[in-house]
C-alpha atoms as a PDB file:
ATOM      1  CA  MET A   1     -32.254 -34.016 -21.750  1.00  0.00           C
ATOM      2  CA  THR A   2     -35.660 -34.965 -23.148  1.00  0.00           C
ATOM      3  CA  ALA A   3     -37.476 -33.068 -25.893  1.00  0.00           C
ATOM      4  CA  ASP A   4     -39.965 -31.476 -23.501  1.00  0.00           C
ATOM      5  CA  GLN A   5     -37.302 -30.240 -21.067  1.00  0.00           C
ATOM      6  CA  PRO A   6     -36.233 -26.626 -21.493  1.00  0.00           C
ATOM      7  CA  ALA A   7     -32.624 -25.945 -22.397  1.00  0.00           C
ATOM      8  CA  PRO A   8     -30.514 -24.604 -19.517  1.00  0.00           C
ATOM      9  CA  ALA A   9     -30.317 -20.835 -19.411  1.00  0.00           C
ATOM     10  CA  ALA A  10     -27.140 -19.337 -20.796  1.00  0.00           C
ATOM     11  CA  PRO A  11     -24.964 -17.609 -18.194  1.00  0.00           C
ATOM     12  CA  ARG A  12     -25.696 -13.919 -17.893  1.00  0.00           C
ATOM     13  CA  LEU A  13     -22.938 -11.775 -19.335  1.00  0.00           C
ATOM     14  CA  PRO A  14     -22.418  -8.109 -18.521  1.00  0.00           C
ATOM     15  CA  PRO A  15     -23.044  -5.532 -21.247  1.00  0.00           C
ATOM     16  CA  ALA A  16     -20.081  -4.295 -23.260  1.00  0.00           C
ATOM     17  CA  GLY A  17     -18.955  -1.057 -24.861  1.00  0.00           C
ATOM     18  CA  THR A  18     -21.455   1.795 -25.005  1.00  0.00           C
ATOM     19  CA  GLU A  19     -24.169  -0.343 -23.418  1.00  0.00           C
ATOM     20  CA  ARG A  20     -21.960  -1.004 -20.394  1.00  0.00           C
ATOM     21  CA  THR A  21     -21.052   2.669 -20.075  1.00  0.00           C
ATOM     22  CA  GLU A  22     -24.715   3.633 -20.057  1.00  0.00           C
ATOM     23  CA  ALA A  23     -25.523   0.891 -17.562  1.00  0.00           C
ATOM     24  CA  VAL A  24     -22.773   2.127 -15.225  1.00  0.00           C
ATOM     25  CA  ARG A  25     -24.055   5.692 -15.484  1.00  0.00           C
ATOM     26  CA  ALA A  26     -27.551   4.492 -14.663  1.00  0.00           C
ATOM     27  CA  LEU A  27     -26.217   2.669 -11.598  1.00  0.00           C
ATOM     28  CA  ARG A  28     -24.468   5.802 -10.413  1.00  0.00           C
ATOM     29  CA  ARG A  29     -27.721   7.722 -10.740  1.00  0.00           C
ATOM     30  CA  ASP A  30     -29.499   5.017  -8.739  1.00  0.00           C
ATOM     31  CA  VAL A  31     -26.908   5.268  -5.966  1.00  0.00           C
ATOM     32  CA  ALA A  32     -27.346   9.029  -5.766  1.00  0.00           C
ATOM     33  CA  GLU A  33     -31.145   9.043  -6.037  1.00  0.00           C
ATOM     34  CA  ASN A  34     -31.865   6.182  -3.625  1.00  0.00           C
ATOM     35  CA  GLY A  35     -29.886   7.608  -0.725  1.00  0.00           C
ATOM     36  CA  LEU A  36     -27.379   4.765  -0.568  1.00  0.00           C
ATOM     37  CA  THR A  37     -24.610   7.122   0.545  1.00  0.00           C
ATOM     38  CA  ARG A  38     -26.380   8.083   3.766  1.00  0.00           C
ATOM     39  CA  SER A  39     -24.608   6.797   6.876  1.00  0.00           C
ATOM     40  CA  HIS A  40     -26.641   5.267   9.695  1.00  0.00           C
ATOM     41  CA  GLY A  41     -25.206   5.599  13.191  1.00  0.00           C
ATOM     42  CA  ALA A  42     -27.723   3.207  14.772  1.00  0.00           C
ATOM     43  CA  TRP A  43     -26.776   0.480  12.313  1.00  0.00           C
ATOM     44  CA  ALA A  44     -23.076   0.978  13.054  1.00  0.00           C
ATOM     45  CA  LEU A  45     -23.826   0.926  16.797  1.00  0.00           C
ATOM     46  CA  LEU A  46     -25.694  -2.381  16.536  1.00  0.00           C
ATOM     47  CA  ARG A  47     -22.944  -3.956  14.474  1.00  0.00           C
ATOM     48  CA  GLY A  48     -20.342  -2.729  16.949  1.00  0.00           C
ATOM     49  CA  ALA A  49     -22.342  -4.120  19.871  1.00  0.00           C
ATOM     50  CA  ALA A  50     -22.629  -7.500  18.162  1.00  0.00           C
ATOM     51  CA  LEU A  51     -18.829  -7.596  18.050  1.00  0.00           C
ATOM     52  CA  VAL A  52     -18.042  -6.076  21.434  1.00  0.00           C
ATOM     53  CA  LEU A  53     -20.310  -8.397  23.440  1.00  0.00           C
ATOM     54  CA  PRO A  54     -18.466 -11.702  22.721  1.00  0.00           C
ATOM     55  CA  TYR A  55     -15.136  -9.929  23.244  1.00  0.00           C
ATOM     56  CA  ALA A  56     -16.247  -8.535  26.613  1.00  0.00           C
ATOM     57  CA  ALA A  57     -17.725 -11.892  27.662  1.00  0.00           C
ATOM     58  CA  ALA A  58     -14.527 -13.780  26.812  1.00  0.00           C
ATOM     59  CA  CYS A  59     -12.397 -11.265  28.715  1.00  0.00           C
ATOM     60  CA  ALA A  60     -14.684 -11.405  31.754  1.00  0.00           C
ATOM     61  CA  LEU A  61     -14.598 -15.215  31.730  1.00  0.00           C
ATOM     62  CA  ALA A  62     -10.801 -15.263  31.587  1.00  0.00           C
ATOM     63  CA  VAL A  63     -10.463 -12.791  34.449  1.00  0.00           C
ATOM     64  CA  GLN A  64     -13.082 -14.458  36.650  1.00  0.00           C
ATOM     65  CA  VAL A  65     -12.189 -18.117  36.032  1.00  0.00           C
ATOM     66  CA  GLY A  66      -8.472 -17.682  35.454  1.00  0.00           C
ATOM     67  CA  THR A  67      -7.827 -21.212  34.150  1.00  0.00           C
ATOM     68  CA  TRP A  68      -5.637 -21.892  31.120  1.00  0.00           C
ATOM     69  CA  TRP A  69      -8.605 -22.880  28.964  1.00  0.00           C
ATOM     70  CA  ALA A  70     -10.456 -19.658  29.832  1.00  0.00           C
ATOM     71  CA  TRP A  71      -7.447 -17.589  28.776  1.00  0.00           C
ATOM     72  CA  ALA A  72      -6.969 -19.680  25.633  1.00  0.00           C
ATOM     73  CA  LEU A  73     -10.637 -19.160  24.743  1.00  0.00           C
ATOM     74  CA  GLN A  74     -10.257 -15.442  25.408  1.00  0.00           C
ATOM     75  CA  ILE A  75      -7.277 -15.174  23.039  1.00  0.00           C
ATOM     76  CA  VAL A  76      -9.173 -16.986  20.283  1.00  0.00           C
ATOM     77  CA  VAL A  77     -12.394 -14.981  20.691  1.00  0.00           C
ATOM     78  CA  SER A  78     -10.639 -11.640  21.193  1.00  0.00           C
ATOM     79  CA  THR A  79      -8.328 -12.131  18.217  1.00  0.00           C
ATOM     80  CA  THR A  80     -11.271 -13.072  16.009  1.00  0.00           C
ATOM     81  CA  VAL A  81     -13.314 -10.065  17.090  1.00  0.00           C
ATOM     82  CA  LEU A  82     -10.403  -7.634  16.755  1.00  0.00           C
ATOM     83  CA  CYS A  83      -9.973  -8.724  13.142  1.00  0.00           C
ATOM     84  CA  THR A  84     -12.778  -6.218  12.617  1.00  0.00           C
ATOM     85  CA  LEU A  85     -10.509  -3.271  13.482  1.00  0.00           C
ATOM     86  CA  PRO A  86      -9.257  -2.568   9.919  1.00  0.00           C
ATOM     87  CA  ALA A  87     -12.829  -2.631   8.637  1.00  0.00           C
ATOM     88  CA  LEU A  88     -13.879  -0.255  11.427  1.00  0.00           C
ATOM     89  CA  TYR A  89     -11.219   2.375  10.787  1.00  0.00           C
ATOM     90  CA  HIS A  90     -11.802   1.845   7.072  1.00  0.00           C
ATOM     91  CA  GLU A  91     -15.460   2.817   7.578  1.00  0.00           C
ATOM     92  CA  ALA A  92     -14.348   5.778   9.662  1.00  0.00           C
ATOM     93  CA  THR A  93     -11.960   6.801   6.884  1.00  0.00           C
ATOM     94  CA  HIS A  94     -14.965   7.256   4.600  1.00  0.00           C
ATOM     95  CA  ARG A  95     -16.858   8.989   7.428  1.00  0.00           C
ATOM     96  CA  SER A  96     -19.506   6.244   7.433  1.00  0.00           C
ATOM     97  CA  VAL A  97     -19.491   5.224  11.109  1.00  0.00           C
ATOM     98  CA  SER A  98     -21.235   8.353  12.348  1.00  0.00           C
ATOM     99  CA  ARG A  99     -22.603  11.524  10.828  1.00  0.00           C
ATOM    100  CA  HIS A 100     -20.824  13.419  13.610  1.00  0.00           C
ATOM    101  CA  ARG A 101     -17.318  13.994  12.311  1.00  0.00           C
ATOM    102  CA  LEU A 102     -15.580  14.193  15.702  1.00  0.00           C
ATOM    103  CA  LEU A 103     -17.183  10.958  16.901  1.00  0.00           C
ATOM    104  CA  ASN A 104     -16.460   9.231  13.591  1.00  0.00           C
ATOM    105  CA  ASP A 105     -12.782  10.227  13.672  1.00  0.00           C
ATOM    106  CA  ALA A 106     -12.433   9.374  17.364  1.00  0.00           C
ATOM    107  CA  ILE A 107     -13.689   5.838  16.716  1.00  0.00           C
ATOM    108  CA  GLY A 108     -11.362   5.521  13.731  1.00  0.00           C
ATOM    109  CA  THR A 109      -8.396   6.764  15.766  1.00  0.00           C
ATOM    110  CA  VAL A 110      -8.970   4.314  18.629  1.00  0.00           C
ATOM    111  CA  ALA A 111      -9.520   1.351  16.275  1.00  0.00           C
ATOM    112  CA  ALA A 112      -6.400   2.171  14.254  1.00  0.00           C
ATOM    113  CA  ALA A 113      -4.294   2.769  17.366  1.00  0.00           C
ATOM    114  CA  LEU A 114      -5.159  -0.717  18.625  1.00  0.00           C
ATOM    115  CA  HIS A 115      -3.609  -1.969  15.386  1.00  0.00           C
ATOM    116  CA  PHE A 116      -0.549   0.277  15.803  1.00  0.00           C
ATOM    117  CA  VAL A 117      -1.657   2.436  12.869  1.00  0.00           C
ATOM    118  CA  PRO A 118      -1.801   6.275  12.647  1.00  0.00           C
ATOM    119  CA  PHE A 119      -5.366   6.902  11.531  1.00  0.00           C
ATOM    120  CA  ALA A 120      -4.915  10.253   9.754  1.00  0.00           C
ATOM    121  CA  SER A 121      -1.973   9.074   7.639  1.00  0.00           C
ATOM    122  CA  TRP A 122      -3.737   5.836   6.780  1.00  0.00           C
ATOM    123  CA  ARG A 123      -6.809   7.807   5.747  1.00  0.00           C
ATOM    124  CA  TYR A 124      -4.886   9.931   3.229  1.00  0.00           C
ATOM    125  CA  PHE A 125      -3.090   6.817   1.991  1.00  0.00           C
ATOM    126  CA  HIS A 126      -6.368   4.984   1.484  1.00  0.00           C
ATOM    127  CA  LEU A 127      -8.207   7.844  -0.219  1.00  0.00           C
ATOM    128  CA  THR A 128      -5.351   8.087  -2.729  1.00  0.00           C
ATOM    129  CA  HIS A 129      -5.807   4.380  -3.400  1.00  0.00           C
ATOM    130  CA  HIS A 130      -9.455   5.042  -4.248  1.00  0.00           C
ATOM    131  CA  ALA A 131      -8.607   7.932  -6.519  1.00  0.00           C
ATOM    132  CA  HIS A 132      -6.116   5.905  -8.572  1.00  0.00           C
ATOM    133  CA  THR A 133      -6.987   2.223  -8.117  1.00  0.00           C
ATOM    134  CA  GLY A 134      -4.902  -0.052 -10.330  1.00  0.00           C
ATOM    135  CA  THR A 135      -2.931   2.780 -11.968  1.00  0.00           C
ATOM    136  CA  ASP A 136       0.549   4.218 -11.522  1.00  0.00           C
ATOM    137  CA  GLY A 137      -0.891   6.721  -9.040  1.00  0.00           C
ATOM    138  CA  ASP A 138      -2.241   3.992  -6.722  1.00  0.00           C
ATOM    139  CA  SER A 139      -0.815   4.286  -3.200  1.00  0.00           C
ATOM    140  CA  GLU A 140      -1.795   0.718  -2.275  1.00  0.00           C
ATOM    141  CA  VAL A 141       0.414  -1.309  -4.574  1.00  0.00           C
ATOM    142  CA  TYR A 142       1.665  -4.867  -4.448  1.00  0.00           C
ATOM    143  CA  GLY A 143       4.832  -6.391  -5.815  1.00  0.00           C
ATOM    144  CA  ARG A 144       5.185  -7.788  -9.331  1.00  0.00           C
ATOM    145  CA  TYR A 145       6.686 -11.105  -8.247  1.00  0.00           C
ATOM    146  CA  TRP A 146       4.501 -13.656  -6.519  1.00  0.00           C
ATOM    147  CA  SER A 147       4.805 -17.242  -5.366  1.00  0.00           C
ATOM    148  CA  ARG A 148       3.043 -19.445  -2.875  1.00  0.00           C
ATOM    149  CA  TRP A 149       5.559 -18.289  -0.274  1.00  0.00           C
ATOM    150  CA  THR A 150       4.924 -14.567  -0.809  1.00  0.00           C
ATOM    151  CA  LEU A 151       1.165 -15.086  -0.735  1.00  0.00           C
ATOM    152  CA  LEU A 152       1.212 -17.158   2.457  1.00  0.00           C
ATOM    153  CA  ALA A 153       3.689 -14.835   4.178  1.00  0.00           C
ATOM    154  CA  PHE A 154       1.828 -11.637   3.276  1.00  0.00           C
ATOM    155  CA  PRO A 155       0.109 -11.209   6.711  1.00  0.00           C
ATOM    156  CA  ALA A 156       3.523 -10.856   8.380  1.00  0.00           C
ATOM    157  CA  THR A 157       4.322  -7.890   6.122  1.00  0.00           C
ATOM    158  CA  GLN A 158       1.750  -5.802   7.985  1.00  0.00           C
ATOM    159  CA  TRP A 159       4.395  -5.006  10.580  1.00  0.00           C
ATOM    160  CA  ALA A 160       6.574  -3.551   7.834  1.00  0.00           C
ATOM    161  CA  PHE A 161       3.591  -1.609   6.529  1.00  0.00           C
ATOM    162  CA  ALA A 162       2.846  -0.175   9.981  1.00  0.00           C
ATOM    163  CA  PHE A 163       6.501   0.870  10.234  1.00  0.00           C
ATOM    164  CA  LEU A 164       6.274   2.587   6.829  1.00  0.00           C
ATOM    165  CA  LEU A 165       3.107   4.417   7.860  1.00  0.00           C
ATOM    166  CA  TRP A 166       4.839   5.784  10.930  1.00  0.00           C
ATOM    167  CA  ARG A 167       7.926   6.725   8.938  1.00  0.00           C
ATOM    168  CA  TRP A 168       5.706   8.604   6.470  1.00  0.00           C
ATOM    169  CA  THR A 169       3.834  10.187   9.379  1.00  0.00           C
ATOM    170  CA  LEU A 170       6.970  11.526  11.053  1.00  0.00           C
ATOM    171  CA  ALA A 171       8.343  12.734   7.704  1.00  0.00           C
ATOM    172  CA  SER A 172       5.050  14.500   6.964  1.00  0.00           C
ATOM    173  CA  MET A 173       5.208  16.320  10.277  1.00  0.00           C
ATOM    174  CA  ARG A 174       8.505  17.793   9.035  1.00  0.00           C
ATOM    175  CA  GLY A 175       7.002  18.655   5.643  1.00  0.00           C
ATOM    176  CA  LYS A 176       8.748  15.790   3.843  1.00  0.00           C
ATOM    177  CA  GLY A 177       6.005  13.201   3.533  1.00  0.00           C
ATOM    178  CA  PRO A 178       4.890  11.089   0.567  1.00  0.00           C
ATOM    179  CA  ARG A 179       3.098  12.594  -2.435  1.00  0.00           C
ATOM    180  CA  TRP A 180      -0.345  11.867  -0.978  1.00  0.00           C
ATOM    181  CA  ILE A 181       0.394  14.049   2.073  1.00  0.00           C
ATOM    182  CA  SER A 182       1.237  17.473   0.716  1.00  0.00           C
ATOM    183  CA  GLY A 183      -0.912  20.283   2.133  1.00  0.00           C
ATOM    184  CA  ALA A 184      -0.454  22.211   5.372  1.00  0.00           C
ATOM    185  CA  ARG A 185      -3.965  21.225   6.417  1.00  0.00           C
ATOM    186  CA  GLN A 186      -3.125  17.532   6.055  1.00  0.00           C
ATOM    187  CA  ARG A 187       0.078  17.938   8.057  1.00  0.00           C
ATOM    188  CA  THR A 188      -1.810  19.701  10.847  1.00  0.00           C
ATOM    189  CA  ALA A 189      -4.383  16.895  10.958  1.00  0.00           C
ATOM    190  CA  ILE A 190      -1.577  14.332  11.120  1.00  0.00           C
ATOM    191  CA  ARG A 191       0.164  16.141  13.991  1.00  0.00           C
ATOM    192  CA  ARG A 192      -3.038  16.283  16.033  1.00  0.00           C
ATOM    193  CA  ASN A 193      -3.916  12.665  15.310  1.00  0.00           C
ATOM    194  CA  THR A 194      -0.392  11.493  16.165  1.00  0.00           C
ATOM    195  CA  ALA A 195      -0.638  13.219  19.540  1.00  0.00           C
ATOM    196  CA  ALA A 196      -3.960  11.461  20.173  1.00  0.00           C
ATOM    197  CA  VAL A 197      -2.527   8.060  19.206  1.00  0.00           C
ATOM    198  CA  TRP A 198       0.488   8.499  21.465  1.00  0.00           C
ATOM    199  CA  ALA A 199      -1.807   9.490  24.337  1.00  0.00           C
ATOM    200  CA  LEU A 200      -3.867   6.341  23.790  1.00  0.00           C
ATOM    201  CA  TRP A 201      -0.713   4.229  23.744  1.00  0.00           C
ATOM    202  CA  ALA A 202       0.450   5.866  26.981  1.00  0.00           C
ATOM    203  CA  VAL A 203      -2.845   4.894  28.631  1.00  0.00           C
ATOM    204  CA  GLU A 204      -2.519   1.348  27.282  1.00  0.00           C
ATOM    205  CA  ALA A 205       1.086   1.086  28.520  1.00  0.00           C
ATOM    206  CA  ALA A 206       0.061   2.347  31.963  1.00  0.00           C
ATOM    207  CA  ALA A 207      -2.740  -0.217  32.095  1.00  0.00           C
ATOM    208  CA  CYS A 208      -0.305  -2.998  31.195  1.00  0.00           C
ATOM    209  CA  ALA A 209       2.090  -1.839  33.913  1.00  0.00           C
ATOM    210  CA  ALA A 210      -0.725  -1.760  36.475  1.00  0.00           C
ATOM    211  CA  ASP A 211      -2.097  -5.158  35.455  1.00  0.00           C
ATOM    212  CA  PRO A 212      -0.039  -7.388  33.100  1.00  0.00           C
ATOM    213  CA  ARG A 213      -3.219  -9.276  32.183  1.00  0.00           C
ATOM    214  CA  VAL A 214      -4.030  -6.355  29.873  1.00  0.00           C
ATOM    215  CA  LEU A 215      -1.318  -7.731  27.574  1.00  0.00           C
ATOM    216  CA  ALA A 216      -3.400 -10.864  27.027  1.00  0.00           C
ATOM    217  CA  LEU A 217      -6.735  -9.045  27.067  1.00  0.00           C
ATOM    218  CA  VAL A 218      -5.857  -6.334  24.540  1.00  0.00           C
ATOM    219  CA  VAL A 219      -2.294  -6.193  23.206  1.00  0.00           C
ATOM    220  CA  ALA A 220      -1.742  -9.825  22.171  1.00  0.00           C
ATOM    221  CA  PRO A 221      -5.080 -10.268  20.326  1.00  0.00           C
ATOM    222  CA  SER A 222      -4.560  -6.876  18.648  1.00  0.00           C
ATOM    223  CA  ALA A 223      -1.141  -7.931  17.386  1.00  0.00           C
ATOM    224  CA  LEU A 224      -2.407 -11.294  16.140  1.00  0.00           C
ATOM    225  CA  SER A 225      -5.480  -9.821  14.489  1.00  0.00           C
ATOM    226  CA  LEU A 226      -3.351  -7.253  12.627  1.00  0.00           C
ATOM    227  CA  MET A 227      -1.813 -10.117  10.675  1.00  0.00           C
ATOM    228  CA  ILE A 228      -4.848 -12.388  10.353  1.00  0.00           C
ATOM    229  CA  ALA A 229      -7.089  -9.593   9.076  1.00  0.00           C
ATOM    230  CA  ALA A 230      -4.605  -8.975   6.236  1.00  0.00           C
ATOM    231  CA  LEU A 231      -5.598 -12.296   4.650  1.00  0.00           C
ATOM    232  CA  THR A 232      -8.455 -10.507   2.877  1.00  0.00           C
ATOM    233  CA  LEU A 233      -6.379  -7.656   1.417  1.00  0.00           C
ATOM    234  CA  VAL A 234      -4.593  -9.389  -1.440  1.00  0.00           C
ATOM    235  CA  PRO A 235      -7.631 -11.344  -2.707  1.00  0.00           C
ATOM    236  CA  GLU A 236      -9.673  -8.147  -2.991  1.00  0.00           C
ATOM    237  CA  HIS A 237      -7.103  -6.319  -5.120  1.00  0.00           C
ATOM    238  CA  PHE A 238      -4.996  -8.996  -6.794  1.00  0.00           C
ATOM    239  CA  PRO A 239      -3.879  -8.903  -9.585  1.00  0.00           C
ATOM    240  CA  ALA A 240      -5.167  -5.393 -10.250  1.00  0.00           C
ATOM    241  CA  TYR A 241      -1.770  -3.721  -9.912  1.00  0.00           C
ATOM    242  CA  ARG A 242      -1.295  -1.314 -12.819  1.00  0.00           C
ATOM    243  CA  ILE A 243      -3.458  -3.121 -15.332  1.00  0.00           C
ATOM    244  CA  GLY A 244      -4.163  -0.010 -17.356  1.00  0.00           C
ATOM    245  CA  PRO A 245      -6.198   3.182 -17.056  1.00  0.00           C
ATOM    246  CA  GLY A 246      -9.621   1.566 -17.620  1.00  0.00           C
ATOM    247  CA  ASP A 247     -12.919   3.237 -16.808  1.00  0.00           C
ATOM    248  CA  ALA A 248     -13.565   5.188 -13.647  1.00  0.00           C
ATOM    249  CA  ASP A 249     -16.067   2.583 -12.410  1.00  0.00           C
ATOM    250  CA  GLN A 250     -13.242   0.286 -11.167  1.00  0.00           C
ATOM    251  CA  LEU A 251     -15.309  -2.830 -11.815  1.00  0.00           C
ATOM    252  CA  ASP A 252     -12.493  -4.404 -13.805  1.00  0.00           C
ATOM    253  CA  ARG A 253      -9.954  -4.000 -11.018  1.00  0.00           C
ATOM    254  CA  THR A 254     -11.491  -5.368  -7.842  1.00  0.00           C
ATOM    255  CA  ASN A 255     -12.572  -8.835  -6.718  1.00  0.00           C
ATOM    256  CA  SER A 256     -15.784  -9.290  -4.732  1.00  0.00           C
ATOM    257  CA  PHE A 257     -16.636 -12.148  -2.384  1.00  0.00           C
ATOM    258  CA  ALA A 258     -20.059 -13.380  -1.301  1.00  0.00           C
ATOM    259  CA  SER A 259     -18.361 -14.915   1.771  1.00  0.00           C
ATOM    260  CA  ASN A 260     -20.280 -15.992   4.899  1.00  0.00           C
ATOM    261  CA  PRO A 261     -22.248 -14.157   7.620  1.00  0.00           C
ATOM    262  CA  LEU A 262     -19.425 -14.162  10.203  1.00  0.00           C
ATOM    263  CA  LEU A 263     -16.875 -12.693   7.812  1.00  0.00           C
ATOM    264  CA  ARG A 264     -19.393 -10.198   6.497  1.00  0.00           C
ATOM    265  CA  LEU A 265     -19.954  -9.076  10.088  1.00  0.00           C
ATOM    266  CA  LEU A 266     -16.229  -8.807  10.852  1.00  0.00           C
ATOM    267  CA  LEU A 267     -15.441  -7.079   7.554  1.00  0.00           C
ATOM    268  CA  TRP A 268     -18.350  -4.635   7.712  1.00  0.00           C
ATOM    269  CA  ASN A 269     -19.391  -5.955   4.275  1.00  0.00           C
ATOM    270  CA  SER A 270     -16.150  -4.790   2.647  1.00  0.00           C
ATOM    271  CA  ASN A 271     -15.949  -8.263   1.094  1.00  0.00           C
ATOM    272  CA  PHE A 272     -18.257  -6.644  -1.485  1.00  0.00           C
ATOM    273  CA  HIS A 273     -15.161  -4.739  -2.472  1.00  0.00           C
ATOM    274  CA  ALA A 274     -15.994  -3.877  -6.057  1.00  0.00           C
ATOM    275  CA  ALA A 275     -19.163  -2.223  -4.799  1.00  0.00           C
ATOM    276  CA  HIS A 276     -17.074  -0.251  -2.327  1.00  0.00           C
ATOM    277  CA  HIS A 277     -14.655   0.872  -5.045  1.00  0.00           C
ATOM    278  CA  PHE A 278     -17.565   1.711  -7.321  1.00  0.00           C
ATOM    279  CA  ALA A 279     -19.068   4.095  -4.732  1.00  0.00           C
ATOM    280  CA  PRO A 280     -16.758   4.617  -1.699  1.00  0.00           C
ATOM    281  CA  LYS A 281     -19.262   6.861   0.056  1.00  0.00           C
ATOM    282  CA  VAL A 282     -21.807   4.047   0.365  1.00  0.00           C
ATOM    283  CA  PRO A 283     -21.678   2.814   4.000  1.00  0.00           C
ATOM    284  CA  ALA A 284     -21.336  -0.826   4.924  1.00  0.00           C
ATOM    285  CA  HIS A 285     -25.028  -1.546   5.494  1.00  0.00           C
ATOM    286  CA  HIS A 286     -25.830  -0.741   1.834  1.00  0.00           C
ATOM    287  CA  LEU A 287     -22.921  -2.569   0.186  1.00  0.00           C
ATOM    288  CA  ARG A 288     -24.717  -5.872  -0.266  1.00  0.00           C
ATOM    289  CA  ARG A 289     -27.557  -4.131  -2.066  1.00  0.00           C
ATOM    290  CA  LEU A 290     -25.078  -2.217  -4.227  1.00  0.00           C
ATOM    291  CA  ASP A 291     -23.226  -5.455  -4.997  1.00  0.00           C
ATOM    292  CA  ASP A 292     -26.447  -6.943  -6.360  1.00  0.00           C
ATOM    293  CA  LEU A 293     -26.786  -3.909  -8.630  1.00  0.00           C
ATOM    294  CA  ILE A 294     -23.253  -3.997 -10.037  1.00  0.00           C
ATOM    295  CA  SER A 295     -23.436  -7.756 -10.632  1.00  0.00           C
ATOM    296  CA  THR A 296     -25.303  -6.965 -13.856  1.00  0.00           C
ATOM    297  CA  VAL A 297     -22.326  -5.091 -15.320  1.00  0.00           C
ATOM    298  CA  GLN A 298     -19.275  -6.716 -13.715  1.00  0.00           C
ATOM    299  CA  GLU A 299     -17.356  -9.530 -15.382  1.00  0.00           C
ATOM    300  CA  PRO A 300     -18.115 -12.825 -13.580  1.00  0.00           C
ATOM    301  CA  ALA A 301     -14.382 -13.548 -13.316  1.00  0.00           C
ATOM    302  CA  TRP A 302     -14.090 -10.797 -10.687  1.00  0.00           C
ATOM    303  CA  ARG A 303     -16.811 -12.327  -8.501  1.00  0.00           C
ATOM    304  CA  TRP A 304     -16.035 -15.140  -6.038  1.00  0.00           C
ATOM    305  CA  PRO A 305     -18.128 -17.268  -3.650  1.00  0.00           C
ATOM    306  CA  GLY A 306     -15.569 -16.883  -0.869  1.00  0.00           C
ATOM    307  CA  TYR A 307     -11.952 -16.205   0.100  1.00  0.00           C
ATOM    308  CA  TYR A 308     -11.170 -19.895   0.520  1.00  0.00           C
ATOM    309  CA  ARG A 309     -12.012 -20.532  -3.111  1.00  0.00           C
ATOM    310  CA  TRP A 310      -9.755 -17.676  -4.177  1.00  0.00           C
ATOM    311  CA  TYR A 311      -6.809 -18.949  -2.116  1.00  0.00           C
ATOM    312  CA  ARG A 312      -7.334 -22.497  -3.315  1.00  0.00           C
ATOM    313  CA  ASP A 313      -7.306 -21.476  -6.966  1.00  0.00           C
ATOM    314  CA  ARG A 314      -4.526 -18.949  -6.645  1.00  0.00           C
ATOM    315  CA  LEU A 315      -2.201 -21.202  -4.647  1.00  0.00           C
ATOM    316  CA  GLY A 316      -2.885 -23.962  -7.150  1.00  0.00           C
ATOM    317  CA  GLY A 317      -1.884 -21.645  -9.988  1.00  0.00           C
ATOM    318  CA  LEU A 318       1.315 -20.362  -8.373  1.00  0.00           C
ATOM    319  CA  SER A 319       4.604 -22.158  -7.916  1.00  0.00           C
ATOM    320  CA  TRP A 320       7.002 -21.947  -4.994  1.00  0.00           C
ATOM    321  CA  THR A 321       9.331 -19.928  -7.254  1.00  0.00           C
ATOM    322  CA  PRO A 322       8.407 -16.234  -7.728  1.00  0.00           C
ATOM    323  CA  VAL A 323       7.079 -15.258 -11.154  1.00  0.00           C
ATOM    324  CA  ASP A 324       6.297 -11.837 -12.633  1.00  0.00           C
ATOM    325  CA  LEU A 325       2.523 -11.334 -12.625  1.00  0.00           C
ATOM    326  CA  SER A 326       2.509  -7.602 -13.399  1.00  0.00           C
ATOM    327  CA  ALA A 327       0.773  -8.224 -16.730  1.00  0.00           C
ATOM    328  CA  GLY A 328      -1.804 -10.601 -15.222  1.00  0.00           C
ATOM    329  CA  HIS A 329      -5.532  -9.957 -15.247  1.00  0.00           C
ATOM    330  CA  THR A 330      -8.108 -11.787 -13.210  1.00  0.00           C
ATOM    331  CA  ALA A 331     -10.501 -12.218 -16.101  1.00  0.00           C
ATOM    332  CA  GLU A 332      -7.792 -14.011 -18.074  1.00  0.00           C
ATOM    333  CA  SER A 333      -6.163 -15.866 -15.207  1.00  0.00           C
ATOM    334  CA  PHE A 334      -9.389 -17.455 -13.963  1.00  0.00           C
ATOM    335  CA  GLU A 335     -11.482 -17.676 -17.101  1.00  0.00           C
ATOM    336  CA  GLU A 336     -11.674 -21.450 -16.777  1.00  0.00           C
ATOM    337  CA  ARG A 337     -12.586 -21.650 -13.103  1.00  0.00           C
END
């Protein structure tokens, strides 16, 4: 560096202590005052259309052409598109798909049913996760022991999770559900939603019986996408399992990922996960803007350029033998990255 060249700017650090608390409060006021929590049905419709069109085109090509490559292309395209299902019923869980509650819940129910998930039960499960993220009350917890094997095999565990959701659902219908399903009103909602899901499955089964190609057009890509979509779950929350009470802003418990346009489309911007935890009522189309706002107060160690980088660093830091990471913290684990 020569004498007339300016020194490089020091990396921006988030405020600490009282200053951080005030900054977080100011951000919350901005969210409320700027209308960031307002859902936008037209935006959701456009995003949905952008995803449905390639899926419909691939299915039509496979049916019309019928060659092996057309069906292979259809499986790839359909599986990729249906990876959006968790993000869709996640948006519906927060009532952000449509301002009309019945339409919002109907979309959430259909999307969840395609992934073999009972929407109402998952909704109560997920809202409890938001209320107690990273604490002993968190419903969405991960194990203490991790290795490269457990991380790589995590997508396959979604079948076990779906089974647990249905076991909790059936128990709740008998008044014996988990702690996050307790009221009579919740149990009634679960009974009605379960009936709707079973009706949808009956229609799907009848369609498969009438035309076995429906298995390849809908069922197979749904099953594959259930597992593939889970690849984003652990990076967003790990290792935030029971790391202490912390502040209510949740910015020290959730990883965020800049990611790429395709994943942002598929994930409905939930890759900006700290922003979502910070203000769950903010719909997907405002999350990128909110992420820019919270970047001024969130520790850089919780912010990642993409999921690949997270997996590369995490797999490099784990061994093939399970170790107890319950006391781990992202800001300490990756302070040198």
